[in-house]
Amino acid sequence: MASSLTVVGALWALLSFLSAAISCTSFFMPYWLFGSQMGKPVSFSTFRRCTYPAHTEEKSLVMVEECGRYASFSAIPSLSWQISTLVTGIGCALLLLVSLSAVLGCCIGDLISRMTGRLQGGVQFVAGKR
């Protein structure tokens, strides 16, 4: 297979893909913060939560022992967490897009020029500044 990348470029592409995969996986995992509430261990992130309090029909508070995402974007607890979810999600999408195009550059000749490589590096830098 012909490649449009140097050895350093191929290493960058593979490390970029690994970094993007780890970032996207951690974005979807609810294990950012740990604590306890009502004697039960809880964990959550900006996008998902595990073991969370909920109101029953009788207006009493019970702990729901399951993991899941928030019902809607507005159900995310605060504005700062909503902004963090949005910025982190966009950053993960940019990282994934750039890394996949770089990996394709390892397989397809003349796909990535010097200018395209620099542009991808800049986009990756911006995506990583979340």
Protein backbone atom coordinates (compact mmCIF):
# COMPACT_ATOMS: atom_id res chain seq x y z
CA MET A 1 0.00 0.00 0.00
CA ALA A 2 1.21 3.47 -0.83
CA SER A 3 1.26 6.03 1.94
CA SER A 4 1.25 9.80 1.83
CA LEU A 5 2.83 9.97 5.30
CA THR A 6 6.38 9.69 6.56
CA VAL A 7 7.24 7.31 9.40
CA VAL A 8 6.74 10.16 11.87
CA GLY A 9 3.41 10.99 10.22
CA ALA A 10 2.27 7.37 10.46
CA LEU A 11 3.24 7.27 14.14
CA TRP A 12 1.34 10.55 14.67
CA ALA A 13 -1.70 9.06 12.91
CA LEU A 14 -1.71 5.93 15.06
CA LEU A 15 -1.18 7.86 18.31
CA SER A 16 -3.88 10.34 17.25
CA PHE A 17 -6.33 7.52 16.67
CA LEU A 18 -5.47 5.96 20.04
CA SER A 19 -5.88 9.32 21.78
CA ALA A 20 -9.21 9.97 20.04
CA ALA A 21 -10.51 6.52 20.98
CA ILE A 22 -9.55 7.00 24.63
CA SER A 23 -11.06 10.52 24.71
CA CYS A 24 -14.34 9.41 23.15
CA THR A 25 -14.59 6.38 25.44
CA SER A 26 -13.96 8.45 28.56
CA PHE A 27 -16.53 11.04 27.41
CA PHE A 28 -19.24 8.35 27.39
CA MET A 29 -18.20 6.71 30.68
CA PRO A 30 -19.87 7.93 33.90
CA TYR A 31 -16.81 7.56 36.12
CA TRP A 32 -15.45 11.12 36.27
CA LEU A 33 -16.49 11.85 39.86
CA PHE A 34 -17.18 9.40 42.69
CA GLY A 35 -19.01 9.88 45.96
CA SER A 36 -21.83 8.52 48.09
CA GLN A 37 -25.39 9.63 48.63
CA MET A 38 -27.94 8.07 50.96
CA GLY A 39 -25.36 5.38 51.81
CA LYS A 40 -24.91 4.27 48.20
CA PRO A 41 -21.85 4.82 45.97
CA VAL A 42 -22.57 7.20 43.08
CA SER A 43 -20.56 8.29 40.06
CA PHE A 44 -21.24 10.66 37.21
CA SER A 45 -19.82 12.67 34.36
CA THR A 46 -21.16 15.49 32.24
CA PHE A 47 -22.98 13.04 29.95
CA ARG A 48 -23.94 10.00 32.09
CA ARG A 49 -24.56 9.02 35.71
CA CYS A 50 -24.72 5.88 37.88
CA THR A 51 -26.85 5.40 41.02
CA TYR A 52 -28.77 8.66 41.14
CA PRO A 53 -31.66 10.02 43.26
CA ALA A 54 -35.15 10.21 41.77
CA HIS A 55 -38.61 11.13 43.04
CA THR A 56 -41.36 8.51 43.16
CA GLU A 57 -45.04 9.20 42.51
CA GLU A 58 -45.49 9.66 46.27
CA LYS A 59 -42.85 12.45 46.19
CA SER A 60 -40.34 10.39 48.19
CA LEU A 61 -36.69 10.18 47.22
CA VAL A 62 -35.25 6.82 46.13
CA MET A 63 -31.87 5.84 44.72
CA VAL A 64 -32.03 4.39 41.21
CA GLU A 65 -29.22 1.83 40.99
CA GLU A 66 -28.46 1.86 37.28
CA CYS A 67 -26.29 3.75 34.84
CA GLY A 68 -27.66 5.90 32.07
CA ARG A 69 -27.47 9.19 30.31
CA TYR A 70 -29.51 12.22 31.24
CA ALA A 71 -33.04 12.21 29.80
CA SER A 72 -32.44 15.42 27.85
CA PHE A 73 -29.79 18.08 27.46
CA SER A 74 -31.71 20.35 29.84
CA ALA A 75 -31.66 17.58 32.49
CA ILE A 76 -27.89 18.02 32.88
CA PRO A 77 -27.56 19.61 36.36
CA SER A 78 -26.01 23.01 35.61
CA LEU A 79 -25.20 25.37 32.77
CA SER A 80 -21.47 24.84 33.24
CA TRP A 81 -21.92 21.06 32.92
CA GLN A 82 -24.05 21.58 29.80
CA ILE A 83 -21.33 23.75 28.26
CA SER A 84 -18.69 21.21 29.28
CA THR A 85 -20.69 18.41 27.65
CA LEU A 86 -21.03 20.38 24.43
CA VAL A 87 -17.37 21.46 24.27
CA THR A 88 -16.05 18.00 25.18
CA GLY A 89 -18.34 16.34 22.63
CA ILE A 90 -17.23 18.71 19.87
CA GLY A 91 -13.58 18.18 20.84
CA CYS A 92 -14.01 14.39 20.71
CA ALA A 93 -15.71 14.62 17.31
CA LEU A 94 -12.88 16.78 15.93
CA LEU A 95 -10.23 14.44 17.33
CA LEU A 96 -11.97 11.43 15.81
CA LEU A 97 -12.41 13.12 12.42
CA VAL A 98 -8.76 14.19 12.20
CA SER A 99 -7.39 10.87 13.45
CA LEU A 100 -9.50 8.82 11.04
CA SER A 101 -8.39 10.95 8.10
CA ALA A 102 -4.77 10.57 9.25
CA VAL A 103 -5.14 6.79 9.48
CA LEU A 104 -6.60 6.81 5.95
CA GLY A 105 -3.49 8.74 4.92
CA CYS A 106 -1.44 5.72 6.00
CA CYS A 107 -3.31 3.58 3.46
CA ILE A 108 -4.00 5.92 0.54
CA GLY A 109 -1.21 7.59 -1.40
CA ASP A 110 -1.29 11.36 -1.98
CA LEU A 111 -4.18 11.88 0.45
CA ILE A 112 -2.39 14.13 2.91
CA SER A 113 -0.15 16.92 1.64
CA ARG A 114 2.18 18.98 3.82
CA MET A 115 -0.45 21.74 4.08
CA THR A 116 -3.24 19.27 4.92
CA GLY A 117 -1.06 17.68 7.61
CA ARG A 118 -0.41 21.07 9.19
CA LEU A 119 -4.11 21.92 9.05
CA GLN A 120 -5.00 18.61 10.70
CA GLY A 121 -2.41 19.22 13.40
CA GLY A 122 -3.95 22.64 14.06
CA VAL A 123 -7.47 21.21 14.27
CA GLN A 124 -6.23 18.50 16.59
CA PHE A 125 -4.53 21.11 18.78
CA VAL A 126 -7.78 23.12 19.03
CA ALA A 127 -9.83 19.98 19.74
CA GLY A 128 -7.44 18.99 22.53
CA LYS A 129 -7.68 22.41 24.24
CA ARG A 130 -11.13 21.65 25.68
